[in-house]
Amino acid sequence: MTYSFEDIKQMAEKVRTCDLVSILIRHDCQRSPTDRTKWKTPAGILSVNGQKFMNWTTGTGGAGAIDLVIALQSLSFKDAVLWLSNNLIPCAAPAPELNQRQNLVIPVKNSGALSRVVHYLTKQRRLPSKLIDTLIQSGKLYADSRANAVFLLLGKKKVVVGAELRGTGRCRWRGMAKGSRKNQGCFYLMGSSYKKLVLCESAIDAASCFALNPEYTAASTSGVTADPGWLKNLVKNGFEIYCGFDRDQAGTLMAQKMMNLYPSIKRLEPPDHDWNDTLRNSRL
């Protein structure tokens, strides 16, 4: 659908004052347990005060919902407005408290949208078709009614505990299924040496890392986090673990924090900004 300048202007007026905390929660950002104004986000460490925010990782700030979405997703003004209009809860609704346990709501599968998801992952993200077919056949990847790619998080006994969502339309975005318990499980691809594990920031990065290094098991932490709930047990069980977070300030900061918590973990930076960039720049 084509939108005029006036259409975007009217939408912007409606979404500009959306609650910033709601946006951070929608992006599955993590609030600091010691400072409730600070959040761990894909863009770095942010602090929020009303409608203003500051990114302490990049030293930049902004005001309002549109600026925040631009900062989190690196979108244009127009695409940020469209994302807010299409994806966020009504602006007047209060943000849910993080201590309230939400019920897990996994998106319903829509086979009719699968071709668009496959096209996005294989043509734009350059993931091997055979790998995508295997993930689909295993049930760990499918399309929902909005043609989002749905990557399932699996916990103990392969119970579904959440899902990463990745938009495949013109307006790119990433998020989590409502009520996801990413401390209880993750999206992963089992390598030939399953006890050699690379931790990545997203499901697409994990799939990209696996495509490049099939001997390693690749797992997603669903965001930049130093201590997912399932990591401690893997360390105790003798896994050879590498932190493959992005080659940027946020990734380096969280990787160092993870290695401080678990000295046995080593850093494995992707050669490019992230593992998908590396895959797309490879000859694979």
C-alpha atoms as a PDB file:
ATOM      1  CA  MET A   1       0.000   0.000   0.000  1.00  0.00           C
ATOM      2  CA  THR A   2       1.242   3.483  -0.904  1.00  0.00           C
ATOM      3  CA  TYR A   3       1.032   6.218   1.727  1.00  0.00           C
ATOM      4  CA  SER A   4       1.048   9.930   1.012  1.00  0.00           C
ATOM      5  CA  PHE A   5       3.014  12.498   3.000  1.00  0.00           C
ATOM      6  CA  GLU A   6      -0.237  13.537   4.680  1.00  0.00           C
ATOM      7  CA  ASP A   7      -1.034   9.901   5.615  1.00  0.00           C
ATOM      8  CA  ILE A   8       2.343   9.492   7.326  1.00  0.00           C
ATOM      9  CA  LYS A   9       1.955  12.860   9.058  1.00  0.00           C
ATOM     10  CA  GLN A  10      -1.423  11.871  10.514  1.00  0.00           C
ATOM     11  CA  MET A  11      -0.119   8.466  11.629  1.00  0.00           C
ATOM     12  CA  ALA A  12       2.908  10.105  13.239  1.00  0.00           C
ATOM     13  CA  GLU A  13       0.697  12.376  15.325  1.00  0.00           C
ATOM     14  CA  LYS A  14      -1.180   9.334  16.649  1.00  0.00           C
ATOM     15  CA  VAL A  15       1.844   7.231  17.568  1.00  0.00           C
ATOM     16  CA  ARG A  16       4.388   9.879  18.588  1.00  0.00           C
ATOM     17  CA  THR A  17       3.435   9.759  22.297  1.00  0.00           C
ATOM     18  CA  CYS A  18       3.141   5.984  22.629  1.00  0.00           C
ATOM     19  CA  ASP A  19       4.592   4.720  25.905  1.00  0.00           C
ATOM     20  CA  LEU A  20       8.330   4.081  25.536  1.00  0.00           C
ATOM     21  CA  VAL A  21       8.335   1.261  28.083  1.00  0.00           C
ATOM     22  CA  SER A  22       5.675  -0.557  26.032  1.00  0.00           C
ATOM     23  CA  ILE A  23       7.907  -0.287  22.984  1.00  0.00           C
ATOM     24  CA  LEU A  24      10.908  -1.662  24.871  1.00  0.00           C
ATOM     25  CA  ILE A  25       8.855  -4.590  26.169  1.00  0.00           C
ATOM     26  CA  ARG A  26       7.504  -5.243  22.655  1.00  0.00           C
ATOM     27  CA  HIS A  27      11.124  -5.521  21.486  1.00  0.00           C
ATOM     28  CA  ASP A  28      11.867  -7.910  24.375  1.00  0.00           C
ATOM     29  CA  CYS A  29      14.385  -5.542  25.952  1.00  0.00           C
ATOM     30  CA  GLN A  30      15.447  -6.287  29.519  1.00  0.00           C
ATOM     31  CA  ARG A  31      15.030  -3.870  32.405  1.00  0.00           C
ATOM     32  CA  SER A  32      17.928  -3.531  34.832  1.00  0.00           C
ATOM     33  CA  PRO A  33      17.151  -5.143  38.214  1.00  0.00           C
ATOM     34  CA  THR A  34      19.082  -2.367  40.003  1.00  0.00           C
ATOM     35  CA  ASP A  35      17.987   0.696  37.996  1.00  0.00           C
ATOM     36  CA  ARG A  36      14.452   0.527  36.603  1.00  0.00           C
ATOM     37  CA  THR A  37      15.114   3.414  34.220  1.00  0.00           C
ATOM     38  CA  LYS A  38      17.801   1.426  32.364  1.00  0.00           C
ATOM     39  CA  TRP A  39      17.250  -1.253  29.721  1.00  0.00           C
ATOM     40  CA  LYS A  40      19.400  -3.694  27.763  1.00  0.00           C
ATOM     41  CA  THR A  41      18.405  -3.384  24.114  1.00  0.00           C
ATOM     42  CA  PRO A  42      19.698  -4.563  20.711  1.00  0.00           C
ATOM     43  CA  ALA A  43      20.960  -0.992  20.216  1.00  0.00           C
ATOM     44  CA  GLY A  44      22.824  -0.751  23.544  1.00  0.00           C
ATOM     45  CA  ILE A  45      22.098   0.276  27.119  1.00  0.00           C
ATOM     46  CA  LEU A  46      19.233   2.807  27.237  1.00  0.00           C
ATOM     47  CA  SER A  47      17.752   4.854  30.047  1.00  0.00           C
ATOM     48  CA  VAL A  48      14.188   6.159  29.787  1.00  0.00           C
ATOM     49  CA  ASN A  49      12.638   9.148  31.513  1.00  0.00           C
ATOM     50  CA  GLY A  50       9.069   9.745  30.385  1.00  0.00           C
ATOM     51  CA  GLN A  51       9.185  10.420  26.662  1.00  0.00           C
ATOM     52  CA  LYS A  52      12.965  10.913  26.569  1.00  0.00           C
ATOM     53  CA  PHE A  53      15.678   8.280  26.276  1.00  0.00           C
ATOM     54  CA  MET A  54      19.458   8.123  26.269  1.00  0.00           C
ATOM     55  CA  ASN A  55      21.639   5.429  24.702  1.00  0.00           C
ATOM     56  CA  TRP A  56      24.696   5.160  26.947  1.00  0.00           C
ATOM     57  CA  THR A  57      26.423   2.754  24.569  1.00  0.00           C
ATOM     58  CA  THR A  58      26.406   5.133  21.587  1.00  0.00           C
ATOM     59  CA  GLY A  59      26.166   8.433  23.485  1.00  0.00           C
ATOM     60  CA  THR A  60      23.029   9.492  21.613  1.00  0.00           C
ATOM     61  CA  GLY A  61      19.497  10.255  22.773  1.00  0.00           C
ATOM     62  CA  GLY A  62      16.047  11.124  21.527  1.00  0.00           C
ATOM     63  CA  ALA A  63      12.462  11.855  22.443  1.00  0.00           C
ATOM     64  CA  GLY A  64       9.226  10.087  21.616  1.00  0.00           C
ATOM     65  CA  ALA A  65       8.134   6.718  20.301  1.00  0.00           C
ATOM     66  CA  ILE A  66       9.224   7.306  16.715  1.00  0.00           C
ATOM     67  CA  ASP A  67      12.784   8.202  17.689  1.00  0.00           C
ATOM     68  CA  LEU A  68      12.978   5.129  19.919  1.00  0.00           C
ATOM     69  CA  VAL A  69      11.848   2.723  17.175  1.00  0.00           C
ATOM     70  CA  ILE A  70      14.334   4.315  14.765  1.00  0.00           C
ATOM     71  CA  ALA A  71      17.074   3.761  17.364  1.00  0.00           C
ATOM     72  CA  LEU A  72      16.088   0.149  18.096  1.00  0.00           C
ATOM     73  CA  GLN A  73      15.567  -1.003  14.503  1.00  0.00           C
ATOM     74  CA  SER A  74      17.623   1.455  12.391  1.00  0.00           C
ATOM     75  CA  LEU A  75      14.503   2.338  10.394  1.00  0.00           C
ATOM     76  CA  SER A  76      13.611   5.439   8.408  1.00  0.00           C
ATOM     77  CA  PHE A  77      11.102   7.878   9.913  1.00  0.00           C
ATOM     78  CA  LYS A  78       8.344   6.572   7.626  1.00  0.00           C
ATOM     79  CA  ASP A  79       8.995   2.899   8.388  1.00  0.00           C
ATOM     80  CA  ALA A  80       9.148   3.614  12.129  1.00  0.00           C
ATOM     81  CA  VAL A  81       5.734   5.291  11.949  1.00  0.00           C
ATOM     82  CA  LEU A  82       4.317   2.340   9.986  1.00  0.00           C
ATOM     83  CA  TRP A  83       5.784  -0.143  12.465  1.00  0.00           C
ATOM     84  CA  LEU A  84       4.182   1.684  15.388  1.00  0.00           C
ATOM     85  CA  SER A  85       0.849   1.889  13.549  1.00  0.00           C
ATOM     86  CA  ASN A  86       0.846  -1.822  12.656  1.00  0.00           C
ATOM     87  CA  ASN A  87       2.484  -3.502  15.622  1.00  0.00           C
ATOM     88  CA  LEU A  88       2.094  -1.592  18.859  1.00  0.00           C
ATOM     89  CA  ILE A  89      -0.764  -1.802  21.342  1.00  0.00           C
ATOM     90  CA  PRO A  90      -2.951   1.344  21.609  1.00  0.00           C
ATOM     91  CA  CYS A  91      -0.936   4.253  22.961  1.00  0.00           C
ATOM     92  CA  ALA A  92      -3.282   4.879  25.872  1.00  0.00           C
ATOM     93  CA  ALA A  93      -2.833   1.346  27.221  1.00  0.00           C
ATOM     94  CA  PRO A  94      -0.514   1.112  30.244  1.00  0.00           C
ATOM     95  CA  ALA A  95       2.649  -0.918  29.912  1.00  0.00           C
ATOM     96  CA  PRO A  96       2.389  -4.317  31.626  1.00  0.00           C
ATOM     97  CA  GLU A  97       4.454  -4.753  34.764  1.00  0.00           C
ATOM     98  CA  LEU A  98       7.421  -7.014  34.236  1.00  0.00           C
ATOM     99  CA  ASN A  99       6.675  -8.956  37.399  1.00  0.00           C
ATOM    100  CA  GLN A 100       3.328 -10.060  35.995  1.00  0.00           C
ATOM    101  CA  ARG A 101       3.669 -13.492  34.389  1.00  0.00           C
ATOM    102  CA  GLN A 102       2.150 -13.393  30.922  1.00  0.00           C
ATOM    103  CA  ASN A 103       0.677 -16.458  29.306  1.00  0.00           C
ATOM    104  CA  LEU A 104       2.678 -17.775  26.364  1.00  0.00           C
ATOM    105  CA  VAL A 105       0.960 -17.038  23.061  1.00  0.00           C
ATOM    106  CA  ILE A 106       2.652 -18.725  20.102  1.00  0.00           C
ATOM    107  CA  PRO A 107       1.583 -17.325  16.690  1.00  0.00           C
ATOM    108  CA  VAL A 108      -0.693 -19.546  14.644  1.00  0.00           C
ATOM    109  CA  LYS A 109       0.932 -21.188  11.637  1.00  0.00           C
ATOM    110  CA  ASN A 110      -0.103 -19.871   8.210  1.00  0.00           C
ATOM    111  CA  SER A 111       1.159 -22.078   5.390  1.00  0.00           C
ATOM    112  CA  GLY A 112      -0.031 -19.562   2.808  1.00  0.00           C
ATOM    113  CA  ALA A 113       2.602 -17.081   3.950  1.00  0.00           C
ATOM    114  CA  LEU A 114       5.444 -19.592   4.062  1.00  0.00           C
ATOM    115  CA  SER A 115       6.736 -18.835   0.555  1.00  0.00           C
ATOM    116  CA  ARG A 116       7.361 -15.196   1.501  1.00  0.00           C
ATOM    117  CA  VAL A 117       9.259 -16.247   4.627  1.00  0.00           C
ATOM    118  CA  VAL A 118      11.360 -18.728   2.621  1.00  0.00           C
ATOM    119  CA  HIS A 119      12.079 -16.087  -0.029  1.00  0.00           C
ATOM    120  CA  TYR A 120      13.184 -13.602   2.623  1.00  0.00           C
ATOM    121  CA  LEU A 121      15.459 -16.065   4.409  1.00  0.00           C
ATOM    122  CA  THR A 122      17.033 -17.603   1.301  1.00  0.00           C
ATOM    123  CA  LYS A 123      17.207 -14.632  -1.079  1.00  0.00           C
ATOM    124  CA  GLN A 124      17.680 -11.648   1.226  1.00  0.00           C
ATOM    125  CA  ARG A 125      19.378 -13.340   4.158  1.00  0.00           C
ATOM    126  CA  ARG A 126      21.231 -15.854   1.940  1.00  0.00           C
ATOM    127  CA  LEU A 127      20.545 -18.813   4.237  1.00  0.00           C
ATOM    128  CA  PRO A 128      20.900 -22.148   2.401  1.00  0.00           C
ATOM    129  CA  SER A 129      17.617 -23.534   1.087  1.00  0.00           C
ATOM    130  CA  LYS A 130      18.424 -26.995   2.423  1.00  0.00           C
ATOM    131  CA  LEU A 131      18.904 -25.609   5.928  1.00  0.00           C
ATOM    132  CA  ILE A 132      15.623 -23.670   5.803  1.00  0.00           C
ATOM    133  CA  ASP A 133      13.790 -26.759   4.507  1.00  0.00           C
ATOM    134  CA  THR A 134      15.199 -28.808   7.393  1.00  0.00           C
ATOM    135  CA  LEU A 135      14.075 -26.227   9.958  1.00  0.00           C
ATOM    136  CA  ILE A 136      10.575 -26.118   8.440  1.00  0.00           C
ATOM    137  CA  GLN A 137      10.290 -29.915   8.394  1.00  0.00           C
ATOM    138  CA  SER A 138      11.396 -30.074  12.025  1.00  0.00           C
ATOM    139  CA  GLY A 139       8.685 -27.565  12.999  1.00  0.00           C
ATOM    140  CA  LYS A 140      11.204 -25.117  14.475  1.00  0.00           C
ATOM    141  CA  LEU A 141      10.475 -22.529  11.765  1.00  0.00           C
ATOM    142  CA  TYR A 142       7.198 -21.474  10.172  1.00  0.00           C
ATOM    143  CA  ALA A 143       5.226 -18.441   8.976  1.00  0.00           C
ATOM    144  CA  ASP A 144       2.450 -16.707  10.894  1.00  0.00           C
ATOM    145  CA  SER A 145      -0.575 -14.770   9.614  1.00  0.00           C
ATOM    146  CA  ARG A 146       1.517 -11.598   9.107  1.00  0.00           C
ATOM    147  CA  ALA A 147       4.190 -13.496   7.158  1.00  0.00           C
ATOM    148  CA  ASN A 148       6.611 -13.172  10.058  1.00  0.00           C
ATOM    149  CA  ALA A 149       9.281 -15.842  10.350  1.00  0.00           C
ATOM    150  CA  VAL A 150       8.620 -17.698  13.617  1.00  0.00           C
ATOM    151  CA  PHE A 151      11.637 -19.414  15.225  1.00  0.00           C
ATOM    152  CA  LEU A 152      10.614 -21.595  18.172  1.00  0.00           C
ATOM    153  CA  LEU A 153      12.496 -21.590  21.479  1.00  0.00           C
ATOM    154  CA  LEU A 154      12.755 -25.073  22.980  1.00  0.00           C
ATOM    155  CA  GLY A 155      13.322 -25.888  26.634  1.00  0.00           C
ATOM    156  CA  LYS A 156      13.685 -29.130  28.560  1.00  0.00           C
ATOM    157  CA  LYS A 157      12.331 -32.176  26.712  1.00  0.00           C
ATOM    158  CA  LYS A 158      11.950 -29.886  23.661  1.00  0.00           C
ATOM    159  CA  VAL A 159       8.922 -28.134  25.148  1.00  0.00           C
ATOM    160  CA  VAL A 160       8.144 -24.868  23.331  1.00  0.00           C
ATOM    161  CA  VAL A 161       8.827 -21.966  25.714  1.00  0.00           C
ATOM    162  CA  GLY A 162       8.702 -19.039  23.304  1.00  0.00           C
ATOM    163  CA  ALA A 163       9.396 -17.789  19.814  1.00  0.00           C
ATOM    164  CA  GLU A 164      11.514 -15.219  18.045  1.00  0.00           C
ATOM    165  CA  LEU A 165       9.628 -13.293  15.377  1.00  0.00           C
ATOM    166  CA  ARG A 166      11.234 -11.636  12.379  1.00  0.00           C
ATOM    167  CA  GLY A 167       9.281  -9.430   9.982  1.00  0.00           C
ATOM    168  CA  THR A 168       9.753 -10.212   6.291  1.00  0.00           C
ATOM    169  CA  GLY A 169       7.820  -7.325   4.749  1.00  0.00           C
ATOM    170  CA  ARG A 170       8.947  -3.870   3.676  1.00  0.00           C
ATOM    171  CA  CYS A 171       9.076  -2.685   7.288  1.00  0.00           C
ATOM    172  CA  ARG A 172      11.695  -4.869   8.984  1.00  0.00           C
ATOM    173  CA  TRP A 173      11.326  -5.616  12.688  1.00  0.00           C
ATOM    174  CA  ARG A 174      12.149  -8.243  15.280  1.00  0.00           C
ATOM    175  CA  GLY A 175      10.417  -9.252  18.480  1.00  0.00           C
ATOM    176  CA  MET A 176       9.261 -12.122  20.688  1.00  0.00           C
ATOM    177  CA  ALA A 177       5.987 -13.969  21.023  1.00  0.00           C
ATOM    178  CA  LYS A 178       3.987 -12.745  24.000  1.00  0.00           C
ATOM    179  CA  GLY A 179       4.968 -14.518  27.207  1.00  0.00           C
ATOM    180  CA  SER A 180       8.184 -16.042  25.814  1.00  0.00           C
ATOM    181  CA  ARG A 181      10.436 -17.558  28.498  1.00  0.00           C
ATOM    182  CA  LYS A 182      13.818 -17.110  26.887  1.00  0.00           C
ATOM    183  CA  ASN A 183      15.557 -17.946  30.179  1.00  0.00           C
ATOM    184  CA  GLN A 184      14.048 -21.430  29.935  1.00  0.00           C
ATOM    185  CA  GLY A 185      15.090 -22.321  26.400  1.00  0.00           C
ATOM    186  CA  CYS A 186      16.369 -21.136  23.055  1.00  0.00           C
ATOM    187  CA  PHE A 187      16.335 -21.594  19.310  1.00  0.00           C
ATOM    188  CA  TYR A 188      19.269 -23.772  18.306  1.00  0.00           C
ATOM    189  CA  LEU A 189      20.748 -25.894  15.520  1.00  0.00           C
ATOM    190  CA  MET A 190      22.625 -29.013  16.567  1.00  0.00           C
ATOM    191  CA  GLY A 191      26.139 -29.326  15.141  1.00  0.00           C
ATOM    192  CA  SER A 192      28.152 -32.473  14.528  1.00  0.00           C
ATOM    193  CA  SER A 193      30.155 -31.673  17.684  1.00  0.00           C
ATOM    194  CA  TYR A 194      27.138 -30.776  19.783  1.00  0.00           C
ATOM    195  CA  LYS A 195      29.174 -29.836  22.873  1.00  0.00           C
ATOM    196  CA  LYS A 196      30.932 -27.073  20.924  1.00  0.00           C
ATOM    197  CA  LEU A 197      28.491 -24.203  21.182  1.00  0.00           C
ATOM    198  CA  VAL A 198      28.406 -20.698  19.685  1.00  0.00           C
ATOM    199  CA  LEU A 199      25.998 -18.191  21.242  1.00  0.00           C
ATOM    200  CA  CYS A 200      24.480 -15.680  18.826  1.00  0.00           C
ATOM    201  CA  GLU A 201      22.176 -12.683  19.288  1.00  0.00           C
ATOM    202  CA  SER A 202      19.302 -13.922  17.104  1.00  0.00           C
ATOM    203  CA  ALA A 203      17.880 -16.975  15.382  1.00  0.00           C
ATOM    204  CA  ILE A 204      18.966 -15.705  11.956  1.00  0.00           C
ATOM    205  CA  ASP A 205      22.507 -15.166  13.225  1.00  0.00           C
ATOM    206  CA  ALA A 206      22.509 -18.649  14.793  1.00  0.00           C
ATOM    207  CA  ALA A 207      21.360 -20.191  11.489  1.00  0.00           C
ATOM    208  CA  SER A 208      24.000 -18.166   9.630  1.00  0.00           C
ATOM    209  CA  CYS A 209      26.755 -19.234  12.018  1.00  0.00           C
ATOM    210  CA  PHE A 210      25.666 -22.870  11.685  1.00  0.00           C
ATOM    211  CA  ALA A 211      25.676 -22.620   7.881  1.00  0.00           C
ATOM    212  CA  LEU A 212      29.274 -21.400   8.016  1.00  0.00           C
ATOM    213  CA  ASN A 213      30.384 -23.760  10.814  1.00  0.00           C
ATOM    214  CA  PRO A 214      28.183 -26.908  10.797  1.00  0.00           C
ATOM    215  CA  GLU A 215      30.451 -28.662  13.278  1.00  0.00           C
ATOM    216  CA  TYR A 216      29.314 -26.220  15.982  1.00  0.00           C
ATOM    217  CA  THR A 217      25.936 -26.122  17.678  1.00  0.00           C
ATOM    218  CA  ALA A 218      24.614 -22.574  17.271  1.00  0.00           C
ATOM    219  CA  ALA A 219      22.104 -21.119  19.736  1.00  0.00           C
ATOM    220  CA  SER A 220      20.313 -17.794  19.973  1.00  0.00           C
ATOM    221  CA  THR A 221      20.108 -15.815  23.196  1.00  0.00           C
ATOM    222  CA  SER A 222      17.240 -13.798  21.635  1.00  0.00           C
ATOM    223  CA  GLY A 223      18.943 -10.485  22.283  1.00  0.00           C
ATOM    224  CA  VAL A 224      22.135  -9.216  23.861  1.00  0.00           C
ATOM    225  CA  THR A 225      22.264 -10.775  27.309  1.00  0.00           C
ATOM    226  CA  ALA A 226      25.225 -11.881  29.396  1.00  0.00           C
ATOM    227  CA  ASP A 227      23.569 -14.618  31.440  1.00  0.00           C
ATOM    228  CA  PRO A 228      20.550 -16.447  29.958  1.00  0.00           C
ATOM    229  CA  GLY A 229      18.992 -18.780  32.494  1.00  0.00           C
ATOM    230  CA  TRP A 230      20.064 -21.974  30.701  1.00  0.00           C
ATOM    231  CA  LEU A 231      23.726 -21.027  30.243  1.00  0.00           C
ATOM    232  CA  LYS A 232      24.961 -21.964  33.723  1.00  0.00           C
ATOM    233  CA  ASN A 233      23.988 -25.621  33.311  1.00  0.00           C
ATOM    234  CA  LEU A 234      25.787 -25.858  29.959  1.00  0.00           C
ATOM    235  CA  VAL A 235      28.947 -24.473  31.537  1.00  0.00           C
ATOM    236  CA  LYS A 236      28.652 -26.965  34.416  1.00  0.00           C
ATOM    237  CA  ASN A 237      28.179 -29.817  31.934  1.00  0.00           C
ATOM    238  CA  GLY A 238      31.478 -29.079  30.235  1.00  0.00           C
ATOM    239  CA  PHE A 239      30.306 -27.526  26.978  1.00  0.00           C
ATOM    240  CA  GLU A 240      32.984 -25.682  24.984  1.00  0.00           C
ATOM    241  CA  ILE A 241      31.224 -22.351  24.630  1.00  0.00           C
ATOM    242  CA  TYR A 242      32.005 -19.334  22.483  1.00  0.00           C
ATOM    243  CA  CYS A 243      30.256 -15.968  22.637  1.00  0.00           C
ATOM    244  CA  GLY A 244      29.542 -15.004  19.038  1.00  0.00           C
ATOM    245  CA  PHE A 245      27.734 -11.728  19.692  1.00  0.00           C
ATOM    246  CA  ASP A 246      27.910  -8.962  17.095  1.00  0.00           C
ATOM    247  CA  ARG A 247      31.106  -7.054  16.394  1.00  0.00           C
ATOM    248  CA  ASP A 248      29.800  -3.797  17.877  1.00  0.00           C
ATOM    249  CA  GLN A 249      29.810  -1.948  21.204  1.00  0.00           C
ATOM    250  CA  ALA A 250      26.770  -3.707  22.661  1.00  0.00           C
ATOM    251  CA  GLY A 251      27.963  -7.151  21.575  1.00  0.00           C
ATOM    252  CA  THR A 252      31.474  -6.587  22.892  1.00  0.00           C
ATOM    253  CA  LEU A 253      30.188  -5.194  26.191  1.00  0.00           C
ATOM    254  CA  MET A 254      27.868  -8.140  26.844  1.00  0.00           C
ATOM    255  CA  ALA A 255      30.454 -10.680  25.670  1.00  0.00           C
ATOM    256  CA  GLN A 256      32.974  -9.344  28.167  1.00  0.00           C
ATOM    257  CA  LYS A 257      30.384  -9.437  30.926  1.00  0.00           C
ATOM    258  CA  MET A 258      29.532 -13.048  30.032  1.00  0.00           C
ATOM    259  CA  MET A 259      33.201 -14.047  30.095  1.00  0.00           C
ATOM    260  CA  ASN A 260      33.629 -12.336  33.450  1.00  0.00           C
ATOM    261  CA  LEU A 261      30.750 -14.426  34.816  1.00  0.00           C
ATOM    262  CA  TYR A 262      31.981 -17.628  33.153  1.00  0.00           C
ATOM    263  CA  PRO A 263      35.780 -17.564  32.566  1.00  0.00           C
ATOM    264  CA  SER A 264      35.651 -20.784  30.520  1.00  0.00           C
ATOM    265  CA  ILE A 265      33.675 -19.032  27.755  1.00  0.00           C
ATOM    266  CA  LYS A 266      35.738 -17.586  24.909  1.00  0.00           C
ATOM    267  CA  ARG A 267      34.980 -14.761  22.483  1.00  0.00           C
ATOM    268  CA  LEU A 268      34.331 -15.610  18.832  1.00  0.00           C
ATOM    269  CA  GLU A 269      33.590 -12.410  16.914  1.00  0.00           C
ATOM    270  CA  PRO A 270      31.956 -12.720  13.520  1.00  0.00           C
ATOM    271  CA  PRO A 271      34.361 -11.485  10.813  1.00  0.00           C
ATOM    272  CA  ASP A 272      31.770  -8.882   9.777  1.00  0.00           C
ATOM    273  CA  HIS A 273      29.240  -7.009  11.919  1.00  0.00           C
ATOM    274  CA  ASP A 274      27.189 -10.142  12.591  1.00  0.00           C
ATOM    275  CA  TRP A 275      27.052 -13.749  11.397  1.00  0.00           C
ATOM    276  CA  ASN A 276      24.442 -13.060   8.741  1.00  0.00           C
ATOM    277  CA  ASP A 277      26.580 -10.285   7.257  1.00  0.00           C
ATOM    278  CA  THR A 278      29.466 -12.764   7.208  1.00  0.00           C
ATOM    279  CA  LEU A 279      27.300 -15.379   5.491  1.00  0.00           C
ATOM    280  CA  ARG A 280      26.073 -12.933   2.853  1.00  0.00           C
ATOM    281  CA  ASN A 281      29.645 -11.834   2.154  1.00  0.00           C
ATOM    282  CA  SER A 282      30.854 -15.422   1.823  1.00  0.00           C
ATOM    283  CA  ARG A 283      30.838 -17.666  -1.239  1.00  0.00           C
ATOM    284  CA  LEU A 284      28.757 -20.332   0.466  1.00  0.00           C
END
